[in-house]
Structure formats: structure tokens, C-alpha cells
Amino acid sequence: MQEIFEIIPAGGAMSPAEILPELRAWTIRGSALHEAPLTPAALRKKMDVRVSHDRYFETRDQGRYARKIG
């Protein structure tokens, strides 16, 4: 999640589909080896967990996420 936090620009917002191509190759490969392939839907689910715990991200309009301030 730290990698995704760094990908999202400060003051901006991105959708999981926009974030996925920006992830490092070993992040995507590691997910496929340890869990399931990382898809936009899987990434959204993981980010929603962080939002529900009030960590890393905030939701924005149209299914986009922004960095959590603070």
C-alpha cells in the first residue's frame, strides 16, 4: 500500500485501473504468486479495506482514491 500511496499524486486522485500499470513488476508478480492476480477489482477491494480502517487513502468521486492527509 505504501507503493500505491507514493504513486497517487499529492492533491490528486486515481482509480485502481490507473494505478495498476504504475505498479512495479515484482509487486504484480508477487501478488500472483502469493494470492491471486492483481486486477483493478482486487486492488479496489484492498484499498477499500484501508479506507475502512482510516489508513492511507480516502475515497473520491467516480471510484477514485486520494492520499489520506495526516
PDB file of N, CA and C in Angstrom:
ATOM      1  N   MET A   1       0.815  -1.191   0.000  1.00  0.00           N
ATOM      2  CA  MET A   1       0.000   0.000   0.000  1.00  0.00           C
ATOM      3  C   MET A   1       0.866   1.265   0.000  1.00  0.00           C
ATOM      4  N   GLN A   2       2.058   1.166   0.564  1.00  0.00           N
ATOM      5  CA  GLN A   2       2.962   2.320   0.542  1.00  0.00           C
ATOM      6  C   GLN A   2       3.332   2.685  -0.891  1.00  0.00           C
ATOM      7  N   GLU A   3       3.541   1.683  -1.721  1.00  0.00           N
ATOM      8  CA  GLU A   3       3.871   1.941  -3.125  1.00  0.00           C
ATOM      9  C   GLU A   3       2.723   2.678  -3.820  1.00  0.00           C
ATOM     10  N   ILE A   4       1.508   2.254  -3.564  1.00  0.00           N
ATOM     11  CA  ILE A   4       0.337   2.910  -4.165  1.00  0.00           C
ATOM     12  C   ILE A   4       0.206   4.329  -3.638  1.00  0.00           C
ATOM     13  N   PHE A   5       0.431   4.507  -2.346  1.00  0.00           N
ATOM     14  CA  PHE A   5       0.385   5.843  -1.744  1.00  0.00           C
ATOM     15  C   PHE A   5       1.345   6.781  -2.473  1.00  0.00           C
ATOM     16  N   GLU A   6       2.536   6.287  -2.793  1.00  0.00           N
ATOM     17  CA  GLU A   6       3.538   7.107  -3.474  1.00  0.00           C
ATOM     18  C   GLU A   6       3.184   7.359  -4.938  1.00  0.00           C
ATOM     19  N   ILE A   7       2.427   6.469  -5.551  1.00  0.00           N
ATOM     20  CA  ILE A   7       2.025   6.639  -6.957  1.00  0.00           C
ATOM     21  C   ILE A   7       0.976   7.738  -7.093  1.00  0.00           C
ATOM     22  N   ILE A   8       0.033   7.786  -6.167  1.00  0.00           N
ATOM     23  CA  ILE A   8      -1.042   8.788  -6.240  1.00  0.00           C
ATOM     24  C   ILE A   8      -0.427  10.158  -5.976  1.00  0.00           C
ATOM     25  N   PRO A   9      -0.620  11.107  -6.876  1.00  0.00           N
ATOM     26  CA  PRO A   9      -0.024  12.431  -6.666  1.00  0.00           C
ATOM     27  C   PRO A   9      -0.675  13.162  -5.491  1.00  0.00           C
ATOM     28  N   ALA A  10       0.126  13.921  -4.772  1.00  0.00           N
ATOM     29  CA  ALA A  10      -0.402  14.720  -3.661  1.00  0.00           C
ATOM     30  C   ALA A  10      -1.442  15.686  -4.223  1.00  0.00           C
ATOM     31  N   GLY A  11      -2.596  15.714  -3.610  1.00  0.00           N
ATOM     32  CA  GLY A  11      -3.669  16.585  -4.068  1.00  0.00           C
ATOM     33  C   GLY A  11      -4.450  16.031  -5.248  1.00  0.00           C
ATOM     34  N   GLY A  12      -4.089  14.850  -5.718  1.00  0.00           N
ATOM     35  CA  GLY A  12      -4.774  14.239  -6.855  1.00  0.00           C
ATOM     36  C   GLY A  12      -5.496  12.974  -6.442  1.00  0.00           C
ATOM     37  N   ALA A  13      -6.108  12.331  -7.394  1.00  0.00           N
ATOM     38  CA  ALA A  13      -6.819  11.075  -7.147  1.00  0.00           C
ATOM     39  C   ALA A  13      -6.679  10.190  -8.380  1.00  0.00           C
ATOM     40  N   MET A  14      -6.666   8.885  -8.151  1.00  0.00           N
ATOM     41  CA  MET A  14      -6.541   7.925  -9.241  1.00  0.00           C
ATOM     42  C   MET A  14      -7.465   6.743  -8.990  1.00  0.00           C
ATOM     43  N   SER A  15      -7.891   6.109 -10.059  1.00  0.00           N
ATOM     44  CA  SER A  15      -8.697   4.900  -9.949  1.00  0.00           C
ATOM     45  C   SER A  15      -7.750   3.693  -9.902  1.00  0.00           C
ATOM     46  N   PRO A  16      -8.234   2.542  -9.417  1.00  0.00           N
ATOM     47  CA  PRO A  16      -7.391   1.342  -9.429  1.00  0.00           C
ATOM     48  C   PRO A  16      -6.889   0.981 -10.832  1.00  0.00           C
ATOM     49  N   ALA A  17      -7.708   1.200 -11.850  1.00  0.00           N
ATOM     50  CA  ALA A  17      -7.286   0.911 -13.224  1.00  0.00           C
ATOM     51  C   ALA A  17      -6.134   1.818 -13.659  1.00  0.00           C
ATOM     52  N   GLU A  18      -6.077   3.029 -13.130  1.00  0.00           N
ATOM     53  CA  GLU A  18      -4.981   3.946 -13.453  1.00  0.00           C
ATOM     54  C   GLU A  18      -3.728   3.618 -12.639  1.00  0.00           C
ATOM     55  N   ILE A  19      -3.912   3.096 -11.444  1.00  0.00           N
ATOM     56  CA  ILE A  19      -2.798   2.772 -10.554  1.00  0.00           C
ATOM     57  C   ILE A  19      -2.080   1.503 -10.995  1.00  0.00           C
ATOM     58  N   LEU A  20      -2.831   0.512 -11.400  1.00  0.00           N
ATOM     59  CA  LEU A  20      -2.283  -0.812 -11.709  1.00  0.00           C
ATOM     60  C   LEU A  20      -1.097  -0.779 -12.679  1.00  0.00           C
ATOM     61  N   PRO A  21      -1.146  -0.064 -13.800  1.00  0.00           N
ATOM     62  CA  PRO A  21       0.004  -0.055 -14.713  1.00  0.00           C
ATOM     63  C   PRO A  21       1.248   0.627 -14.133  1.00  0.00           C
ATOM     64  N   GLU A  22       1.062   1.426 -13.094  1.00  0.00           N
ATOM     65  CA  GLU A  22       2.180   2.147 -12.478  1.00  0.00           C
ATOM     66  C   GLU A  22       2.927   1.318 -11.437  1.00  0.00           C
ATOM     67  N   LEU A  23       2.348   0.194 -11.021  1.00  0.00           N
ATOM     68  CA  LEU A  23       2.978  -0.645 -10.000  1.00  0.00           C
ATOM     69  C   LEU A  23       4.214  -1.339 -10.561  1.00  0.00           C
ATOM     70  N   ARG A  24       5.181  -1.578  -9.692  1.00  0.00           N
ATOM     71  CA  ARG A  24       6.392  -2.281 -10.103  1.00  0.00           C
ATOM     72  C   ARG A  24       6.050  -3.710 -10.512  1.00  0.00           C
ATOM     73  N   ALA A  25       6.809  -4.241 -11.442  1.00  0.00           N
ATOM     74  CA  ALA A  25       6.567  -5.588 -11.968  1.00  0.00           C
ATOM     75  C   ALA A  25       6.608  -6.632 -10.861  1.00  0.00           C
ATOM     76  N   TRP A  26       7.538  -6.496  -9.907  1.00  0.00           N
ATOM     77  CA  TRP A  26       7.632  -7.508  -8.853  1.00  0.00           C
ATOM     78  C   TRP A  26       6.462  -7.436  -7.879  1.00  0.00           C
ATOM     79  N   THR A  27       5.808  -6.300  -7.768  1.00  0.00           N
ATOM     80  CA  THR A  27       4.608  -6.200  -6.928  1.00  0.00           C
ATOM     81  C   THR A  27       3.484  -7.023  -7.551  1.00  0.00           C
ATOM     82  N   ILE A  28       3.305  -6.868  -8.840  1.00  0.00           N
ATOM     83  CA  ILE A  28       2.259  -7.602  -9.548  1.00  0.00           C
ATOM     84  C   ILE A  28       2.581  -9.099  -9.565  1.00  0.00           C
ATOM     85  N   ARG A  29       3.839  -9.434  -9.807  1.00  0.00           N
ATOM     86  CA  ARG A  29       4.251 -10.842  -9.824  1.00  0.00           C
ATOM     87  C   ARG A  29       4.100 -11.469  -8.438  1.00  0.00           C
ATOM     88  N   GLY A  30       4.493 -10.742  -7.411  1.00  0.00           N
ATOM     89  CA  GLY A  30       4.370 -11.255  -6.045  1.00  0.00           C
ATOM     90  C   GLY A  30       2.932 -11.526  -5.670  1.00  0.00           C
ATOM     91  N   SER A  31       2.045 -10.664  -6.089  1.00  0.00           N
ATOM     92  CA  SER A  31       0.627 -10.873  -5.806  1.00  0.00           C
ATOM     93  C   SER A  31       0.123 -12.137  -6.497  1.00  0.00           C
ATOM     94  N   ALA A  32       0.541 -12.336  -7.720  1.00  0.00           N
ATOM     95  CA  ALA A  32       0.103 -13.521  -8.471  1.00  0.00           C
ATOM     96  C   ALA A  32       0.647 -14.803  -7.842  1.00  0.00           C
ATOM     97  N   LEU A  33       1.855 -14.744  -7.291  1.00  0.00           N
ATOM     98  CA  LEU A  33       2.464 -15.928  -6.686  1.00  0.00           C
ATOM     99  C   LEU A  33       1.897 -16.251  -5.306  1.00  0.00           C
ATOM    100  N   HIS A  34       1.554 -15.227  -4.536  1.00  0.00           N
ATOM    101  CA  HIS A  34       1.139 -15.440  -3.159  1.00  0.00           C
ATOM    102  C   HIS A  34      -0.367 -15.452  -2.942  1.00  0.00           C
ATOM    103  N   GLU A  35      -1.097 -14.783  -3.765  1.00  0.00           N
ATOM    104  CA  GLU A  35      -2.541 -14.687  -3.572  1.00  0.00           C
ATOM    105  C   GLU A  35      -3.250 -14.997  -4.878  1.00  0.00           C
ATOM    106  N   ALA A  36      -3.686 -13.954  -5.517  1.00  0.00           N
ATOM    107  CA  ALA A  36      -4.368 -14.062  -6.807  1.00  0.00           C
ATOM    108  C   ALA A  36      -3.857 -12.922  -7.680  1.00  0.00           C
ATOM    109  N   PRO A  37      -4.026 -13.019  -8.977  1.00  0.00           N
ATOM    110  CA  PRO A  37      -3.575 -11.920  -9.838  1.00  0.00           C
ATOM    111  C   PRO A  37      -4.186 -10.592  -9.407  1.00  0.00           C
ATOM    112  N   LEU A  38      -3.387  -9.553  -9.481  1.00  0.00           N
ATOM    113  CA  LEU A  38      -3.837  -8.228  -9.075  1.00  0.00           C
ATOM    114  C   LEU A  38      -4.593  -7.593 -10.232  1.00  0.00           C
ATOM    115  N   THR A  39      -5.884  -7.433 -10.058  1.00  0.00           N
ATOM    116  CA  THR A  39      -6.761  -6.818 -11.053  1.00  0.00           C
ATOM    117  C   THR A  39      -7.273  -5.505 -10.476  1.00  0.00           C
ATOM    118  N   PRO A  40      -7.869  -4.654 -11.304  1.00  0.00           N
ATOM    119  CA  PRO A  40      -8.451  -3.431 -10.745  1.00  0.00           C
ATOM    120  C   PRO A  40      -9.474  -3.718  -9.630  1.00  0.00           C
ATOM    121  N   ALA A  41     -10.272  -4.764  -9.782  1.00  0.00           N
ATOM    122  CA  ALA A  41     -11.267  -5.111  -8.757  1.00  0.00           C
ATOM    123  C   ALA A  41     -10.593  -5.560  -7.465  1.00  0.00           C
ATOM    124  N   ALA A  42      -9.545  -6.355  -7.567  1.00  0.00           N
ATOM    125  CA  ALA A  42      -8.821  -6.817  -6.377  1.00  0.00           C
ATOM    126  C   ALA A  42      -8.123  -5.648  -5.692  1.00  0.00           C
ATOM    127  N   LEU A  43      -7.540  -4.760  -6.485  1.00  0.00           N
ATOM    128  CA  LEU A  43      -6.871  -3.586  -5.929  1.00  0.00           C
ATOM    129  C   LEU A  43      -7.876  -2.686  -5.223  1.00  0.00           C
ATOM    130  N   ARG A  44      -9.051  -2.498  -5.828  1.00  0.00           N
ATOM    131  CA  ARG A  44     -10.107  -1.690  -5.205  1.00  0.00           C
ATOM    132  C   ARG A  44     -10.508  -2.278  -3.850  1.00  0.00           C
ATOM    133  N   LYS A  45     -10.643  -3.590  -3.793  1.00  0.00           N
ATOM    134  CA  LYS A  45     -11.025  -4.257  -2.547  1.00  0.00           C
ATOM    135  C   LYS A  45      -9.973  -4.023  -1.464  1.00  0.00           C
ATOM    136  N   LYS A  46      -8.702  -4.150  -1.819  1.00  0.00           N
ATOM    137  CA  LYS A  46      -7.618  -3.940  -0.864  1.00  0.00           C
ATOM    138  C   LYS A  46      -7.578  -2.488  -0.384  1.00  0.00           C
ATOM    139  N   MET A  47      -7.813  -1.561  -1.305  1.00  0.00           N
ATOM    140  CA  MET A  47      -7.807  -0.148  -0.931  1.00  0.00           C
ATOM    141  C   MET A  47      -9.021   0.199  -0.071  1.00  0.00           C
ATOM    142  N   ASP A  48     -10.172  -0.414  -0.357  1.00  0.00           N
ATOM    143  CA  ASP A  48     -11.365  -0.177   0.451  1.00  0.00           C
ATOM    144  C   ASP A  48     -11.157  -0.627   1.899  1.00  0.00           C
ATOM    145  N   VAL A  49     -10.393  -1.694   2.093  1.00  0.00           N
ATOM    146  CA  VAL A  49     -10.073  -2.138   3.461  1.00  0.00           C
ATOM    147  C   VAL A  49      -9.290  -1.043   4.171  1.00  0.00           C
ATOM    148  N   ARG A  50      -8.316  -0.449   3.484  1.00  0.00           N
ATOM    149  CA  ARG A  50      -7.527   0.632   4.102  1.00  0.00           C
ATOM    150  C   ARG A  50      -8.399   1.842   4.408  1.00  0.00           C
ATOM    151  N   VAL A  51      -9.322   2.158   3.504  1.00  0.00           N
ATOM    152  CA  VAL A  51     -10.239   3.284   3.737  1.00  0.00           C
ATOM    153  C   VAL A  51     -11.105   3.004   4.965  1.00  0.00           C
ATOM    154  N   SER A  52     -11.611   1.776   5.096  1.00  0.00           N
ATOM    155  CA  SER A  52     -12.475   1.444   6.239  1.00  0.00           C
ATOM    156  C   SER A  52     -11.722   1.512   7.561  1.00  0.00           C
ATOM    157  N   HIS A  53     -10.402   1.297   7.521  1.00  0.00           N
ATOM    158  CA  HIS A  53      -9.581   1.392   8.731  1.00  0.00           C
ATOM    159  C   HIS A  53      -8.966   2.784   8.886  1.00  0.00           C
ATOM    160  N   ASP A  54      -9.361   3.698   8.006  1.00  0.00           N
ATOM    161  CA  ASP A  54      -8.903   5.086   8.053  1.00  0.00           C
ATOM    162  C   ASP A  54      -7.382   5.187   7.892  1.00  0.00           C
ATOM    163  N   ARG A  55      -6.835   4.398   6.949  1.00  0.00           N
ATOM    164  CA  ARG A  55      -5.397   4.385   6.704  1.00  0.00           C
ATOM    165  C   ARG A  55      -5.103   4.602   5.223  1.00  0.00           C
ATOM    166  N   TYR A  56      -4.081   5.306   4.925  1.00  0.00           N
ATOM    167  CA  TYR A  56      -3.509   5.524   3.592  1.00  0.00           C
ATOM    168  C   TYR A  56      -4.362   6.319   2.610  1.00  0.00           C
ATOM    169  N   PHE A  57      -5.646   5.951   2.421  1.00  0.00           N
ATOM    170  CA  PHE A  57      -6.429   6.522   1.334  1.00  0.00           C
ATOM    171  C   PHE A  57      -7.786   7.060   1.782  1.00  0.00           C
ATOM    172  N   GLU A  58      -8.314   7.960   0.951  1.00  0.00           N
ATOM    173  CA  GLU A  58      -9.683   8.475   1.081  1.00  0.00           C
ATOM    174  C   GLU A  58     -10.374   8.239  -0.253  1.00  0.00           C
ATOM    175  N   THR A  59     -11.676   8.013  -0.225  1.00  0.00           N
ATOM    176  CA  THR A  59     -12.410   7.830  -1.481  1.00  0.00           C
ATOM    177  C   THR A  59     -12.756   9.184  -2.079  1.00  0.00           C
ATOM    178  N   ARG A  60     -12.825   9.208  -3.378  1.00  0.00           N
ATOM    179  CA  ARG A  60     -13.214  10.395  -4.142  1.00  0.00           C
ATOM    180  C   ARG A  60     -14.314   9.988  -5.115  1.00  0.00           C
ATOM    181  N   ASP A  61     -14.792  10.944  -5.878  1.00  0.00           N
ATOM    182  CA  ASP A  61     -15.847  10.694  -6.864  1.00  0.00           C
ATOM    183  C   ASP A  61     -15.372   9.715  -7.935  1.00  0.00           C
ATOM    184  N   GLN A  62     -16.312   9.024  -8.530  1.00  0.00           N
ATOM    185  CA  GLN A  62     -16.099   8.142  -9.673  1.00  0.00           C
ATOM    186  C   GLN A  62     -15.116   7.000  -9.378  1.00  0.00           C
ATOM    187  N   GLY A  63     -15.134   6.460  -8.160  1.00  0.00           N
ATOM    188  CA  GLY A  63     -14.307   5.316  -7.826  1.00  0.00           C
ATOM    189  C   GLY A  63     -12.818   5.598  -7.744  1.00  0.00           C
ATOM    190  N   ARG A  64     -12.475   6.827  -7.459  1.00  0.00           N
ATOM    191  CA  ARG A  64     -11.074   7.221  -7.376  1.00  0.00           C
ATOM    192  C   ARG A  64     -10.656   7.315  -5.909  1.00  0.00           C
ATOM    193  N   TYR A  65      -9.355   7.227  -5.688  1.00  0.00           N
ATOM    194  CA  TYR A  65      -8.788   7.304  -4.347  1.00  0.00           C
ATOM    195  C   TYR A  65      -7.727   8.395  -4.295  1.00  0.00           C
ATOM    196  N   ALA A  66      -7.647   9.025  -3.142  1.00  0.00           N
ATOM    197  CA  ALA A  66      -6.626  10.063  -2.918  1.00  0.00           C
ATOM    198  C   ALA A  66      -5.826   9.686  -1.683  1.00  0.00           C
ATOM    199  N   ARG A  67      -4.650  10.279  -1.557  1.00  0.00           N
ATOM    200  CA  ARG A  67      -3.846  10.083  -0.363  1.00  0.00           C
ATOM    201  C   ARG A  67      -4.594  10.620   0.854  1.00  0.00           C
ATOM    202  N   LYS A  68      -4.523   9.903   1.957  1.00  0.00           N
ATOM    203  CA  LYS A  68      -5.110  10.396   3.197  1.00  0.00           C
ATOM    204  C   LYS A  68      -4.148  11.407   3.798  1.00  0.00           C
ATOM    205  N   ILE A  69      -4.661  12.538   4.150  1.00  0.00           N
ATOM    206  CA  ILE A  69      -3.834  13.592   4.753  1.00  0.00           C
ATOM    207  C   ILE A  69      -3.693  13.311   6.234  1.00  0.00           C
ATOM    208  N   GLY A  70      -2.467  13.379   6.714  1.00  0.00           N
ATOM    209  CA  GLY A  70      -2.225  13.210   8.153  1.00  0.00           C
ATOM    210  C   GLY A  70      -1.718  11.929   8.490  1.00  0.00           C
TER     211      GLY A  70
END
